[in-house]
């Protein structure tokens, strides 16, 4: 480096809106959490209505079941993210969510509902392990990883917050099945957007160079 030459500084805050992959990823994350956040509380409500004396135990069973599945899937994703690519693994996580929402409509049986909840661990394991890697891929060379991570966490929170209100209104007016179908539709939109718009971030040119027009 020549004497007196300065290192390039981090990209401006506008990178959050100029990076096409980051915008698409943020939209998908918001839709994913809009669909995912109310599912466990809704299942808990159904279990409580059918088994009021065992509601707490069954809710705990749902949470523990998902956590038991989440850890091995997160480890698997961590081992295969580079060799398999980020996108195929993330597509699996996105695809599981509408399937899970639809399966909840098939039966009110407690064993069935807890069994379906196992799929939550699969999606959570994939999302939790891959999201930081995808953000790091997109922000490579920009110096704005923490900023992007905060932005994604913000849209994630927005999606989860709005879904609670929306799910409550739909349950009150149309029932549980309609709510699960609506949330599944939101998850399906996230899957389609991710499939068509999100590039593979683990290979090729740094996706941060892909700009919105």
N, C-alpha and C. Protein backbone atom coordinates (compact mmCIF):
# COMPACT_ATOMS: atom_id res chain seq x y z
N UNK A 1 0.86 -1.19 0.00
CA UNK A 1 0.00 0.00 0.00
C UNK A 1 0.89 1.24 0.00
N UNK A 2 0.56 2.22 -0.82
CA UNK A 2 1.35 3.45 -0.90
C UNK A 2 1.22 4.24 0.39
N UNK A 3 2.30 4.98 0.71
CA UNK A 3 2.30 5.78 1.92
C UNK A 3 1.18 6.80 1.89
N UNK A 4 0.42 6.88 2.97
CA UNK A 4 -0.66 7.86 3.06
C UNK A 4 -1.97 7.39 2.46
N UNK A 5 -1.96 6.24 1.80
CA UNK A 5 -3.20 5.75 1.18
C UNK A 5 -4.12 5.20 2.27
N UNK A 6 -5.38 5.59 2.23
CA UNK A 6 -6.33 5.19 3.26
C UNK A 6 -7.06 3.92 2.85
N UNK A 7 -7.34 3.09 3.86
CA UNK A 7 -8.16 1.91 3.62
C UNK A 7 -9.60 2.34 3.34
N UNK A 8 -10.29 1.63 2.45
CA UNK A 8 -11.69 1.99 2.19
C UNK A 8 -12.54 1.81 3.44
N UNK A 9 -13.41 2.76 3.68
CA UNK A 9 -14.28 2.69 4.85
C UNK A 9 -15.48 1.80 4.58
N UNK A 10 -16.31 1.59 5.59
CA UNK A 10 -17.51 0.77 5.40
C UNK A 10 -18.51 1.44 4.47
N UNK A 11 -19.35 0.63 3.88
CA UNK A 11 -20.39 1.16 2.99
C UNK A 11 -21.37 2.02 3.79
N UNK A 12 -22.07 2.89 3.10
CA UNK A 12 -23.06 3.74 3.75
C UNK A 12 -24.28 2.95 4.20
N UNK A 13 -25.10 3.59 5.01
CA UNK A 13 -26.30 2.92 5.51
C UNK A 13 -27.27 2.53 4.39
N UNK A 14 -27.14 3.20 3.27
CA UNK A 14 -28.01 2.89 2.14
C UNK A 14 -27.84 1.50 1.59
N UNK A 15 -26.76 0.80 2.01
CA UNK A 15 -26.53 -0.56 1.55
C UNK A 15 -27.70 -1.47 1.92
N UNK A 16 -28.43 -1.12 2.99
CA UNK A 16 -29.56 -1.93 3.41
C UNK A 16 -30.66 -1.97 2.34
N UNK A 17 -30.76 -0.91 1.56
CA UNK A 17 -31.82 -0.83 0.55
C UNK A 17 -31.30 -1.07 -0.86
N UNK A 18 -29.98 -0.91 -1.04
CA UNK A 18 -29.40 -1.08 -2.37
C UNK A 18 -29.01 -2.52 -2.66
N UNK A 19 -28.85 -3.32 -1.63
CA UNK A 19 -28.47 -4.72 -1.82
C UNK A 19 -29.72 -5.55 -2.07
N UNK A 20 -29.90 -5.95 -3.32
CA UNK A 20 -31.10 -6.71 -3.68
C UNK A 20 -31.26 -8.00 -2.86
N UNK A 21 -30.19 -8.82 -2.70
CA UNK A 21 -30.36 -10.04 -1.90
C UNK A 21 -30.79 -9.75 -0.46
N UNK A 22 -30.28 -8.67 0.13
CA UNK A 22 -30.65 -8.36 1.50
C UNK A 22 -32.11 -7.95 1.61
N UNK A 23 -32.59 -7.17 0.63
CA UNK A 23 -33.99 -6.76 0.62
C UNK A 23 -34.90 -7.99 0.48
N UNK A 24 -34.56 -8.88 -0.43
CA UNK A 24 -35.36 -10.09 -0.64
C UNK A 24 -35.32 -10.97 0.61
N UNK A 25 -34.14 -11.12 1.17
CA UNK A 25 -34.01 -11.94 2.37
C UNK A 25 -34.82 -11.36 3.52
N UNK A 26 -34.77 -10.04 3.68
CA UNK A 26 -35.55 -9.40 4.74
C UNK A 26 -37.04 -9.62 4.56
N UNK A 27 -37.53 -9.50 3.33
CA UNK A 27 -38.95 -9.74 3.06
C UNK A 27 -39.34 -11.17 3.40
N UNK A 28 -38.50 -12.12 3.00
CA UNK A 28 -38.79 -13.52 3.27
C UNK A 28 -38.78 -13.81 4.77
N UNK A 29 -37.82 -13.22 5.47
CA UNK A 29 -37.73 -13.41 6.92
C UNK A 29 -38.98 -12.86 7.60
N UNK A 30 -39.44 -11.70 7.17
CA UNK A 30 -40.63 -11.11 7.77
C UNK A 30 -41.86 -12.00 7.54
N UNK A 31 -42.02 -12.51 6.32
CA UNK A 31 -43.14 -13.40 6.02
C UNK A 31 -43.03 -14.71 6.79
N UNK A 32 -41.80 -15.23 6.89
CA UNK A 32 -41.58 -16.48 7.60
C UNK A 32 -42.03 -16.35 9.05
N UNK A 33 -41.61 -15.28 9.71
CA UNK A 33 -41.95 -15.11 11.11
C UNK A 33 -43.39 -14.65 11.30
N UNK A 34 -43.95 -13.97 10.30
CA UNK A 34 -45.38 -13.67 10.35
C UNK A 34 -46.18 -14.97 10.40
N UNK A 35 -45.75 -15.95 9.62
CA UNK A 35 -46.46 -17.23 9.57
C UNK A 35 -46.13 -18.11 10.77
N UNK A 36 -44.89 -18.05 11.24
CA UNK A 36 -44.43 -19.01 12.24
C UNK A 36 -44.78 -18.62 13.67
N UNK A 37 -44.67 -17.34 13.99
CA UNK A 37 -44.79 -16.93 15.40
C UNK A 37 -46.09 -17.36 16.08
N UNK A 38 -47.27 -17.26 15.43
CA UNK A 38 -48.50 -17.60 16.15
C UNK A 38 -48.80 -19.10 16.22
N UNK A 39 -48.06 -19.93 15.49
CA UNK A 39 -48.45 -21.34 15.39
C UNK A 39 -48.41 -22.05 16.74
N UNK A 40 -47.32 -21.91 17.47
CA UNK A 40 -47.23 -22.58 18.77
C UNK A 40 -48.29 -22.07 19.75
N UNK A 41 -48.51 -20.76 19.90
CA UNK A 41 -49.60 -20.32 20.79
C UNK A 41 -50.96 -20.85 20.37
N UNK A 42 -51.22 -20.92 19.05
CA UNK A 42 -52.51 -21.44 18.59
C UNK A 42 -52.66 -22.91 18.93
N UNK A 43 -51.59 -23.67 18.74
CA UNK A 43 -51.63 -25.09 19.11
C UNK A 43 -51.86 -25.23 20.61
N UNK A 44 -51.21 -24.38 21.40
CA UNK A 44 -51.41 -24.40 22.85
C UNK A 44 -52.85 -24.12 23.23
N UNK A 45 -53.47 -23.19 22.52
CA UNK A 45 -54.88 -22.88 22.78
C UNK A 45 -55.78 -24.06 22.46
N UNK A 46 -55.49 -24.74 21.33
CA UNK A 46 -56.29 -25.91 20.96
C UNK A 46 -56.14 -27.02 21.99
N UNK A 47 -54.91 -27.25 22.44
CA UNK A 47 -54.68 -28.29 23.44
C UNK A 47 -55.35 -27.93 24.77
N UNK A 48 -55.29 -26.66 25.14
CA UNK A 48 -55.91 -26.23 26.39
C UNK A 48 -57.42 -26.38 26.35
N UNK A 49 -58.00 -26.12 25.18
CA UNK A 49 -59.45 -26.25 25.04
C UNK A 49 -59.89 -27.71 25.13
N UNK A 50 -59.09 -28.60 24.55
CA UNK A 50 -59.45 -30.02 24.55
C UNK A 50 -59.06 -30.73 25.84
N UNK A 51 -57.97 -30.28 26.47
CA UNK A 51 -57.46 -30.94 27.68
C UNK A 51 -57.08 -29.86 28.71
N UNK A 52 -58.06 -29.20 29.29
CA UNK A 52 -57.76 -28.07 30.18
C UNK A 52 -56.89 -28.44 31.38
N UNK A 53 -57.00 -29.65 31.90
CA UNK A 53 -56.22 -30.04 33.07
C UNK A 53 -54.77 -30.37 32.72
N UNK A 54 -54.52 -30.68 31.45
CA UNK A 54 -53.18 -31.08 31.03
C UNK A 54 -52.55 -30.05 30.09
N UNK A 55 -53.14 -28.87 30.01
CA UNK A 55 -52.70 -27.88 29.03
C UNK A 55 -51.24 -27.49 29.22
N UNK A 56 -50.84 -27.24 30.47
CA UNK A 56 -49.46 -26.81 30.72
C UNK A 56 -48.46 -27.89 30.33
N UNK A 57 -48.76 -29.12 30.69
CA UNK A 57 -47.86 -30.23 30.36
C UNK A 57 -47.75 -30.42 28.86
N UNK A 58 -48.86 -30.29 28.15
CA UNK A 58 -48.84 -30.49 26.70
C UNK A 58 -48.11 -29.34 26.00
N UNK A 59 -48.30 -28.14 26.50
CA UNK A 59 -47.58 -27.01 25.92
C UNK A 59 -46.08 -27.19 26.11
N UNK A 60 -45.69 -27.66 27.28
CA UNK A 60 -44.28 -27.92 27.54
C UNK A 60 -43.76 -29.02 26.61
N UNK A 61 -44.60 -30.03 26.37
CA UNK A 61 -44.20 -31.11 25.47
C UNK A 61 -43.95 -30.59 24.06
N UNK A 62 -44.78 -29.65 23.62
CA UNK A 62 -44.59 -29.06 22.29
C UNK A 62 -43.26 -28.33 22.20
N UNK A 63 -42.94 -27.57 23.23
CA UNK A 63 -41.71 -26.80 23.23
C UNK A 63 -40.48 -27.72 23.28
N UNK A 64 -40.53 -28.70 24.18
CA UNK A 64 -39.39 -29.62 24.33
C UNK A 64 -39.19 -30.44 23.06
N UNK A 65 -40.29 -30.88 22.45
CA UNK A 65 -40.18 -31.68 21.23
C UNK A 65 -39.47 -30.90 20.13
N UNK A 66 -39.84 -29.65 19.97
CA UNK A 66 -39.21 -28.83 18.93
C UNK A 66 -37.74 -28.60 19.23
N UNK A 67 -37.42 -28.36 20.50
CA UNK A 67 -36.02 -28.11 20.87
C UNK A 67 -35.15 -29.34 20.65
N UNK A 68 -35.69 -30.52 20.89
CA UNK A 68 -34.94 -31.75 20.71
C UNK A 68 -34.58 -31.98 19.25
N UNK A 69 -35.45 -31.52 18.35
CA UNK A 69 -35.18 -31.68 16.92
C UNK A 69 -34.29 -30.55 16.41
N UNK A 70 -34.43 -29.37 16.97
CA UNK A 70 -33.72 -28.20 16.47
C UNK A 70 -32.20 -28.36 16.55
N UNK A 71 -31.69 -28.86 17.66
CA UNK A 71 -30.25 -28.94 17.86
C UNK A 71 -29.56 -29.83 16.82
N UNK A 72 -30.00 -31.07 16.60
CA UNK A 72 -29.30 -31.87 15.58
C UNK A 72 -29.40 -31.29 14.18
N UNK A 73 -30.52 -30.65 13.85
CA UNK A 73 -30.65 -30.05 12.52
C UNK A 73 -29.74 -28.84 12.38
N UNK A 74 -29.59 -28.07 13.45
CA UNK A 74 -28.68 -26.94 13.39
C UNK A 74 -27.25 -27.42 13.18
N UNK A 75 -26.88 -28.51 13.85
CA UNK A 75 -25.54 -29.07 13.67
C UNK A 75 -25.35 -29.59 12.25
N UNK A 76 -26.37 -30.25 11.71
CA UNK A 76 -26.30 -30.76 10.35
C UNK A 76 -26.13 -29.63 9.34
N UNK A 77 -26.90 -28.58 9.53
CA UNK A 77 -26.82 -27.43 8.62
C UNK A 77 -25.44 -26.79 8.70
N UNK A 78 -24.90 -26.67 9.91
CA UNK A 78 -23.58 -26.10 10.06
C UNK A 78 -22.51 -26.89 9.33
N UNK A 79 -22.67 -28.21 9.26
CA UNK A 79 -21.69 -29.06 8.59
C UNK A 79 -21.84 -29.05 7.07
N UNK A 80 -23.04 -28.78 6.58
CA UNK A 80 -23.30 -28.94 5.15
C UNK A 80 -23.54 -27.62 4.41
N UNK A 81 -23.55 -26.51 5.13
CA UNK A 81 -23.90 -25.23 4.49
C UNK A 81 -22.97 -24.87 3.36
N UNK A 82 -21.68 -25.18 3.50
CA UNK A 82 -20.71 -24.83 2.46
C UNK A 82 -20.75 -25.81 1.29
N UNK A 83 -20.93 -27.08 1.57
CA UNK A 83 -20.89 -28.09 0.50
C UNK A 83 -22.22 -28.17 -0.25
N UNK A 84 -23.34 -28.03 0.45
CA UNK A 84 -24.66 -28.12 -0.18
C UNK A 84 -25.15 -26.77 -0.69
N UNK A 85 -24.63 -25.69 -0.12
CA UNK A 85 -25.11 -24.37 -0.48
C UNK A 85 -26.16 -23.89 0.50
N UNK A 86 -26.26 -22.56 0.62
CA UNK A 86 -27.24 -21.99 1.56
C UNK A 86 -28.69 -22.14 1.05
N UNK A 87 -28.88 -21.89 -0.23
CA UNK A 87 -30.25 -21.82 -0.74
C UNK A 87 -31.02 -23.13 -0.64
N UNK A 88 -30.46 -24.27 -1.04
CA UNK A 88 -31.24 -25.51 -0.91
C UNK A 88 -31.66 -25.80 0.53
N UNK A 89 -30.75 -25.54 1.47
CA UNK A 89 -31.08 -25.79 2.86
C UNK A 89 -32.15 -24.83 3.36
N UNK A 90 -32.01 -23.55 2.97
CA UNK A 90 -33.01 -22.58 3.40
C UNK A 90 -34.37 -22.87 2.78
N UNK A 91 -34.37 -23.33 1.54
CA UNK A 91 -35.64 -23.69 0.90
C UNK A 91 -36.34 -24.80 1.67
N UNK A 92 -35.56 -25.73 2.19
CA UNK A 92 -36.16 -26.78 3.00
C UNK A 92 -36.85 -26.20 4.23
N UNK A 93 -36.16 -25.27 4.90
CA UNK A 93 -36.75 -24.63 6.07
C UNK A 93 -38.01 -23.85 5.75
N UNK A 94 -37.99 -23.14 4.63
CA UNK A 94 -39.17 -22.38 4.22
C UNK A 94 -40.31 -23.31 3.80
N UNK A 95 -39.99 -24.43 3.16
CA UNK A 95 -41.02 -25.35 2.68
C UNK A 95 -41.73 -26.07 3.82
N UNK A 96 -41.02 -26.32 4.90
CA UNK A 96 -41.61 -27.05 6.02
C UNK A 96 -42.72 -26.24 6.68
N UNK A 97 -42.61 -24.92 6.68
CA UNK A 97 -43.57 -24.10 7.41
C UNK A 97 -44.99 -24.19 6.85
N UNK A 98 -45.23 -24.01 5.53
CA UNK A 98 -46.61 -24.18 5.05
C UNK A 98 -47.14 -25.59 5.23
N UNK A 99 -46.25 -26.59 5.11
CA UNK A 99 -46.67 -27.98 5.34
C UNK A 99 -47.14 -28.15 6.78
N UNK A 100 -46.35 -27.62 7.70
CA UNK A 100 -46.70 -27.71 9.12
C UNK A 100 -48.03 -27.02 9.41
N UNK A 101 -48.22 -25.83 8.86
CA UNK A 101 -49.47 -25.11 9.09
C UNK A 101 -50.66 -25.90 8.57
N UNK A 102 -50.50 -26.53 7.39
CA UNK A 102 -51.59 -27.31 6.82
C UNK A 102 -51.89 -28.56 7.66
N UNK A 103 -50.84 -29.21 8.17
CA UNK A 103 -51.03 -30.43 8.95
C UNK A 103 -51.80 -30.18 10.24
N UNK A 104 -51.69 -28.98 10.79
CA UNK A 104 -52.42 -28.67 12.01
C UNK A 104 -53.94 -28.73 11.80
N UNK A 105 -54.39 -28.58 10.58
CA UNK A 105 -55.83 -28.56 10.31
C UNK A 105 -56.42 -29.96 10.22
N UNK A 106 -55.57 -30.98 10.17
CA UNK A 106 -56.07 -32.34 9.91
C UNK A 106 -56.70 -32.99 11.14
N UNK A 107 -56.24 -32.63 12.33
CA UNK A 107 -56.73 -33.30 13.52
C UNK A 107 -56.50 -32.43 14.76
N UNK A 108 -57.37 -32.62 15.76
CA UNK A 108 -57.21 -31.96 17.05
C UNK A 108 -56.60 -32.89 18.08
N UNK A 109 -56.22 -34.09 17.65
CA UNK A 109 -55.63 -35.06 18.57
C UNK A 109 -54.32 -34.52 19.15
N UNK A 110 -54.14 -34.66 20.45
CA UNK A 110 -52.98 -34.07 21.10
C UNK A 110 -51.67 -34.68 20.60
N UNK A 111 -51.65 -35.98 20.39
CA UNK A 111 -50.43 -36.63 19.90
C UNK A 111 -50.09 -36.13 18.50
N UNK A 112 -51.12 -35.97 17.67
CA UNK A 112 -50.90 -35.45 16.31
C UNK A 112 -50.33 -34.03 16.36
N UNK A 113 -50.93 -33.17 17.17
CA UNK A 113 -50.47 -31.78 17.24
C UNK A 113 -49.04 -31.67 17.75
N UNK A 114 -48.72 -32.47 18.76
CA UNK A 114 -47.35 -32.45 19.29
C UNK A 114 -46.38 -33.02 18.27
N UNK A 115 -46.81 -34.05 17.54
CA UNK A 115 -45.97 -34.63 16.50
C UNK A 115 -45.67 -33.64 15.38
N UNK A 116 -46.69 -32.90 14.97
CA UNK A 116 -46.48 -31.90 13.92
C UNK A 116 -45.55 -30.81 14.40
N UNK A 117 -45.62 -30.52 15.70
CA UNK A 117 -44.77 -29.48 16.27
C UNK A 117 -43.28 -29.83 16.15
N UNK A 118 -42.96 -31.10 15.96
CA UNK A 118 -41.57 -31.50 15.74
C UNK A 118 -40.98 -30.79 14.53
N UNK A 119 -41.84 -30.52 13.55
CA UNK A 119 -41.35 -29.84 12.34
C UNK A 119 -40.87 -28.43 12.64
N UNK A 120 -41.39 -27.85 13.72
CA UNK A 120 -40.92 -26.52 14.11
C UNK A 120 -39.42 -26.55 14.42
N UNK A 121 -38.97 -27.64 15.03
CA UNK A 121 -37.56 -27.77 15.33
C UNK A 121 -36.70 -27.84 14.09
N UNK A 122 -37.22 -28.46 13.04
CA UNK A 122 -36.48 -28.54 11.78
C UNK A 122 -36.31 -27.14 11.19
N UNK A 123 -37.42 -26.41 11.08
CA UNK A 123 -37.35 -25.07 10.51
C UNK A 123 -36.51 -24.13 11.35
N UNK A 124 -36.66 -24.20 12.68
CA UNK A 124 -35.90 -23.32 13.56
C UNK A 124 -34.41 -23.64 13.50
N UNK A 125 -34.07 -24.93 13.41
CA UNK A 125 -32.66 -25.31 13.34
C UNK A 125 -32.00 -24.79 12.07
N UNK A 126 -32.72 -24.91 10.95
CA UNK A 126 -32.19 -24.43 9.67
C UNK A 126 -32.07 -22.92 9.69
N UNK A 127 -33.12 -22.24 10.12
CA UNK A 127 -33.11 -20.77 10.10
C UNK A 127 -32.05 -20.22 11.04
N UNK A 128 -31.98 -20.76 12.24
CA UNK A 128 -31.05 -20.23 13.23
C UNK A 128 -29.59 -20.40 12.81
N UNK A 129 -29.29 -21.51 12.14
CA UNK A 129 -27.90 -21.76 11.74
C UNK A 129 -27.52 -21.00 10.48
N UNK A 130 -28.47 -20.83 9.57
CA UNK A 130 -28.14 -20.27 8.25
C UNK A 130 -28.27 -18.76 8.16
N UNK A 131 -29.20 -18.17 8.89
CA UNK A 131 -29.43 -16.73 8.73
C UNK A 131 -28.17 -15.90 8.94
N UNK A 132 -27.37 -16.13 10.00
CA UNK A 132 -26.14 -15.34 10.14
C UNK A 132 -25.16 -15.55 8.99
N UNK A 133 -25.11 -16.78 8.45
CA UNK A 133 -24.20 -17.05 7.34
C UNK A 133 -24.63 -16.30 6.08
N UNK A 134 -25.93 -16.29 5.81
CA UNK A 134 -26.43 -15.61 4.62
C UNK A 134 -26.19 -14.11 4.73
N UNK A 135 -26.45 -13.54 5.90
CA UNK A 135 -26.20 -12.11 6.09
C UNK A 135 -24.72 -11.79 5.91
N UNK A 136 -23.86 -12.66 6.45
CA UNK A 136 -22.41 -12.45 6.30
C UNK A 136 -22.00 -12.53 4.83
N UNK A 137 -22.60 -13.47 4.08
CA UNK A 137 -22.30 -13.59 2.64
C UNK A 137 -22.69 -12.31 1.91
N UNK A 138 -23.88 -11.82 2.20
CA UNK A 138 -24.40 -10.66 1.48
C UNK A 138 -23.59 -9.41 1.81
N UNK A 139 -23.17 -9.29 3.06
CA UNK A 139 -22.47 -8.09 3.51
C UNK A 139 -20.95 -8.18 3.37
N UNK A 140 -20.46 -9.25 2.78
CA UNK A 140 -19.01 -9.41 2.66
C UNK A 140 -18.38 -8.22 1.95
N UNK A 141 -17.39 -7.63 2.59
CA UNK A 141 -16.68 -6.52 2.00
C UNK A 141 -17.31 -5.16 2.21
N UNK A 142 -18.48 -5.10 2.86
CA UNK A 142 -19.15 -3.81 3.06
C UNK A 142 -18.85 -3.21 4.43
N UNK A 143 -18.45 -4.03 5.40
CA UNK A 143 -18.24 -3.53 6.75
C UNK A 143 -19.53 -3.24 7.49
N UNK A 144 -20.64 -3.77 7.01
CA UNK A 144 -21.94 -3.46 7.63
C UNK A 144 -22.70 -4.71 8.06
N UNK A 145 -21.96 -5.72 8.50
CA UNK A 145 -22.63 -6.96 8.92
C UNK A 145 -23.56 -6.72 10.11
N UNK A 146 -23.07 -6.05 11.14
CA UNK A 146 -23.89 -5.82 12.34
C UNK A 146 -25.13 -4.99 12.02
N UNK A 147 -24.96 -4.00 11.15
CA UNK A 147 -26.10 -3.19 10.74
C UNK A 147 -27.15 -4.04 10.04
N UNK A 148 -26.69 -4.89 9.12
CA UNK A 148 -27.62 -5.75 8.39
C UNK A 148 -28.29 -6.75 9.32
N UNK A 149 -27.53 -7.29 10.25
CA UNK A 149 -28.10 -8.25 11.20
C UNK A 149 -29.18 -7.57 12.05
N UNK A 150 -28.93 -6.33 12.46
CA UNK A 150 -29.94 -5.60 13.22
C UNK A 150 -31.18 -5.32 12.40
N UNK A 151 -30.99 -5.00 11.12
CA UNK A 151 -32.13 -4.73 10.25
C UNK A 151 -32.98 -5.98 10.05
N UNK A 152 -32.31 -7.13 9.86
CA UNK A 152 -33.05 -8.38 9.69
C UNK A 152 -33.80 -8.74 10.97
N UNK A 153 -33.16 -8.53 12.13
CA UNK A 153 -33.83 -8.79 13.40
C UNK A 153 -35.06 -7.88 13.57
N UNK A 154 -34.96 -6.65 13.06
CA UNK A 154 -36.08 -5.71 13.16
C UNK A 154 -37.27 -6.18 12.33
N UNK A 155 -37.02 -6.55 11.08
CA UNK A 155 -38.14 -7.00 10.23
C UNK A 155 -38.70 -8.32 10.74
N UNK A 156 -37.83 -9.15 11.34
CA UNK A 156 -38.30 -10.39 11.95
C UNK A 156 -39.28 -10.07 13.08
N UNK A 157 -38.92 -9.10 13.93
CA UNK A 157 -39.80 -8.71 15.02
C UNK A 157 -41.10 -8.10 14.53
N UNK A 158 -41.02 -7.32 13.46
CA UNK A 158 -42.24 -6.72 12.90
C UNK A 158 -43.19 -7.81 12.42
N UNK A 159 -42.65 -8.78 11.68
CA UNK A 159 -43.48 -9.87 11.20
C UNK A 159 -44.12 -10.65 12.32
N UNK A 160 -43.34 -10.98 13.35
CA UNK A 160 -43.87 -11.75 14.48
C UNK A 160 -44.92 -10.96 15.26
N UNK A 161 -44.71 -9.65 15.40
CA UNK A 161 -45.65 -8.82 16.16
C UNK A 161 -46.98 -8.67 15.43
N UNK A 162 -46.91 -8.39 14.14
CA UNK A 162 -48.13 -8.21 13.37
C UNK A 162 -48.94 -9.50 13.28
N UNK A 163 -48.25 -10.63 13.25
CA UNK A 163 -48.95 -11.90 13.07
C UNK A 163 -49.81 -12.24 14.27
N UNK A 164 -49.37 -11.85 15.48
CA UNK A 164 -50.17 -12.14 16.66
C UNK A 164 -51.53 -11.48 16.59
N UNK A 165 -51.55 -10.21 16.19
CA UNK A 165 -52.81 -9.48 16.04
C UNK A 165 -53.67 -10.08 14.93
N UNK A 166 -53.03 -10.36 13.79
CA UNK A 166 -53.78 -10.90 12.65
C UNK A 166 -54.35 -12.27 12.98
N UNK A 167 -53.55 -13.13 13.59
CA UNK A 167 -54.01 -14.48 13.92
C UNK A 167 -55.16 -14.43 14.91
N UNK A 168 -55.07 -13.55 15.90
CA UNK A 168 -56.15 -13.44 16.87
C UNK A 168 -57.47 -13.03 16.24
N UNK A 169 -57.41 -12.07 15.31
CA UNK A 169 -58.62 -11.63 14.63
C UNK A 169 -59.22 -12.74 13.77
N UNK A 170 -58.36 -13.47 13.07
CA UNK A 170 -58.86 -14.54 12.19
C UNK A 170 -59.47 -15.66 13.02
N UNK A 171 -58.84 -16.02 14.13
CA UNK A 171 -59.39 -17.07 14.99
C UNK A 171 -60.75 -16.67 15.52
N UNK A 172 -60.89 -15.42 15.96
CA UNK A 172 -62.16 -14.95 16.51
C UNK A 172 -63.29 -15.00 15.49
N UNK A 173 -62.97 -14.71 14.23
CA UNK A 173 -64.02 -14.61 13.22
C UNK A 173 -64.21 -15.87 12.40
N UNK A 174 -63.13 -16.65 12.20
CA UNK A 174 -63.24 -17.78 11.27
C UNK A 174 -62.75 -19.11 11.82
N UNK A 175 -62.14 -19.12 12.99
CA UNK A 175 -61.72 -20.37 13.60
C UNK A 175 -60.26 -20.72 13.35
N UNK A 176 -59.85 -21.82 13.98
CA UNK A 176 -58.45 -22.22 13.93
C UNK A 176 -58.00 -22.67 12.55
N UNK A 177 -58.81 -23.47 11.89
CA UNK A 177 -58.39 -24.02 10.60
C UNK A 177 -58.13 -22.91 9.59
N UNK A 178 -59.01 -21.92 9.56
CA UNK A 178 -58.82 -20.80 8.64
C UNK A 178 -57.56 -20.02 8.98
N UNK A 179 -57.26 -19.93 10.26
CA UNK A 179 -56.05 -19.22 10.67
C UNK A 179 -54.80 -19.97 10.23
N UNK A 180 -54.80 -21.29 10.43
CA UNK A 180 -53.65 -22.08 10.00
C UNK A 180 -53.46 -22.00 8.48
N UNK A 181 -54.55 -22.02 7.74
CA UNK A 181 -54.45 -21.93 6.28
C UNK A 181 -53.90 -20.57 5.86
N UNK A 182 -54.37 -19.50 6.51
CA UNK A 182 -53.88 -18.15 6.19
C UNK A 182 -52.39 -18.01 6.48
N UNK A 183 -51.97 -18.50 7.62
CA UNK A 183 -50.55 -18.44 7.97
C UNK A 183 -49.72 -19.31 7.03
N UNK A 184 -50.27 -20.45 6.65
CA UNK A 184 -49.58 -21.30 5.68
C UNK A 184 -49.43 -20.62 4.34
N UNK A 185 -50.44 -19.83 3.94
CA UNK A 185 -50.37 -19.10 2.68
C UNK A 185 -49.26 -18.05 2.72
N UNK A 186 -49.11 -17.37 3.86
CA UNK A 186 -48.02 -16.39 4.01
C UNK A 186 -46.67 -17.09 3.92
N UNK A 187 -46.57 -18.26 4.52
CA UNK A 187 -45.31 -19.02 4.45
C UNK A 187 -45.04 -19.47 3.02
N UNK A 188 -46.09 -19.82 2.29
CA UNK A 188 -45.92 -20.25 0.91
C UNK A 188 -45.44 -19.09 0.04
N UNK A 189 -45.94 -17.89 0.30
CA UNK A 189 -45.46 -16.71 -0.44
C UNK A 189 -43.97 -16.50 -0.17
N UNK A 190 -43.57 -16.65 1.10
CA UNK A 190 -42.15 -16.51 1.44
C UNK A 190 -41.32 -17.54 0.67
N UNK A 191 -41.81 -18.76 0.58
CA UNK A 191 -41.10 -19.81 -0.15
C UNK A 191 -40.95 -19.46 -1.63
N UNK A 192 -42.02 -18.95 -2.23
CA UNK A 192 -41.98 -18.61 -3.66
C UNK A 192 -41.02 -17.45 -3.91
N UNK A 193 -41.11 -16.41 -3.07
CA UNK A 193 -40.22 -15.26 -3.23
C UNK A 193 -38.77 -15.68 -3.08
N UNK A 194 -38.49 -16.52 -2.09
CA UNK A 194 -37.11 -16.97 -1.86
C UNK A 194 -36.63 -17.81 -3.04
N UNK A 195 -37.49 -18.67 -3.55
CA UNK A 195 -37.12 -19.53 -4.67
C UNK A 195 -36.78 -18.73 -5.91
N UNK A 196 -37.60 -17.74 -6.22
CA UNK A 196 -37.46 -17.00 -7.47
C UNK A 196 -36.46 -15.84 -7.36
N UNK A 197 -36.36 -15.24 -6.19
CA UNK A 197 -35.59 -14.00 -6.10
C UNK A 197 -34.26 -14.06 -5.38
N UNK A 198 -34.07 -15.09 -4.54
CA UNK A 198 -32.87 -15.11 -3.71
C UNK A 198 -31.76 -15.90 -4.39
N UNK A 199 -30.58 -15.30 -4.56
CA UNK A 199 -29.47 -16.03 -5.17
C UNK A 199 -28.80 -16.95 -4.15
N UNK A 200 -27.97 -17.84 -4.65
CA UNK A 200 -27.12 -18.64 -3.78
C UNK A 200 -25.97 -17.76 -3.31
N UNK A 201 -25.90 -17.51 -2.03
CA UNK A 201 -24.92 -16.55 -1.52
C UNK A 201 -23.56 -17.16 -1.24
N UNK A 202 -23.44 -18.47 -1.27
CA UNK A 202 -22.18 -19.12 -0.90
C UNK A 202 -21.20 -19.21 -2.05
N UNK A 203 -21.62 -18.87 -3.25
CA UNK A 203 -20.72 -19.01 -4.40
C UNK A 203 -20.88 -17.82 -5.33
N UNK A 204 -19.90 -17.65 -6.24
CA UNK A 204 -19.97 -16.58 -7.22
C UNK A 204 -19.54 -15.25 -6.63
N UNK A 205 -19.93 -14.17 -7.30
CA UNK A 205 -19.58 -12.84 -6.84
C UNK A 205 -20.30 -12.51 -5.55
N UNK A 206 -19.70 -11.69 -4.70
CA UNK A 206 -20.38 -11.29 -3.47
C UNK A 206 -21.73 -10.67 -3.81
N UNK A 207 -22.83 -11.24 -3.26
CA UNK A 207 -24.16 -10.75 -3.58
C UNK A 207 -24.36 -9.28 -3.22
N UNK A 208 -23.53 -8.71 -2.38
CA UNK A 208 -23.69 -7.31 -2.02
C UNK A 208 -23.49 -6.39 -3.21
N UNK A 209 -22.89 -6.92 -4.31
CA UNK A 209 -22.68 -6.10 -5.49
C UNK A 209 -23.91 -6.08 -6.39
N UNK A 210 -24.92 -6.89 -6.05
CA UNK A 210 -26.13 -6.89 -6.86
C UNK A 210 -27.05 -5.81 -6.32
N UNK A 211 -27.32 -4.84 -7.14
CA UNK A 211 -28.05 -3.64 -6.69
C UNK A 211 -29.49 -3.63 -7.19
N UNK A 212 -30.34 -2.98 -6.44
CA UNK A 212 -31.69 -2.73 -6.92
C UNK A 212 -31.66 -1.61 -7.96
N UNK A 213 -32.46 -1.71 -8.98
CA UNK A 213 -32.54 -0.66 -9.98
C UNK A 213 -33.21 0.58 -9.40
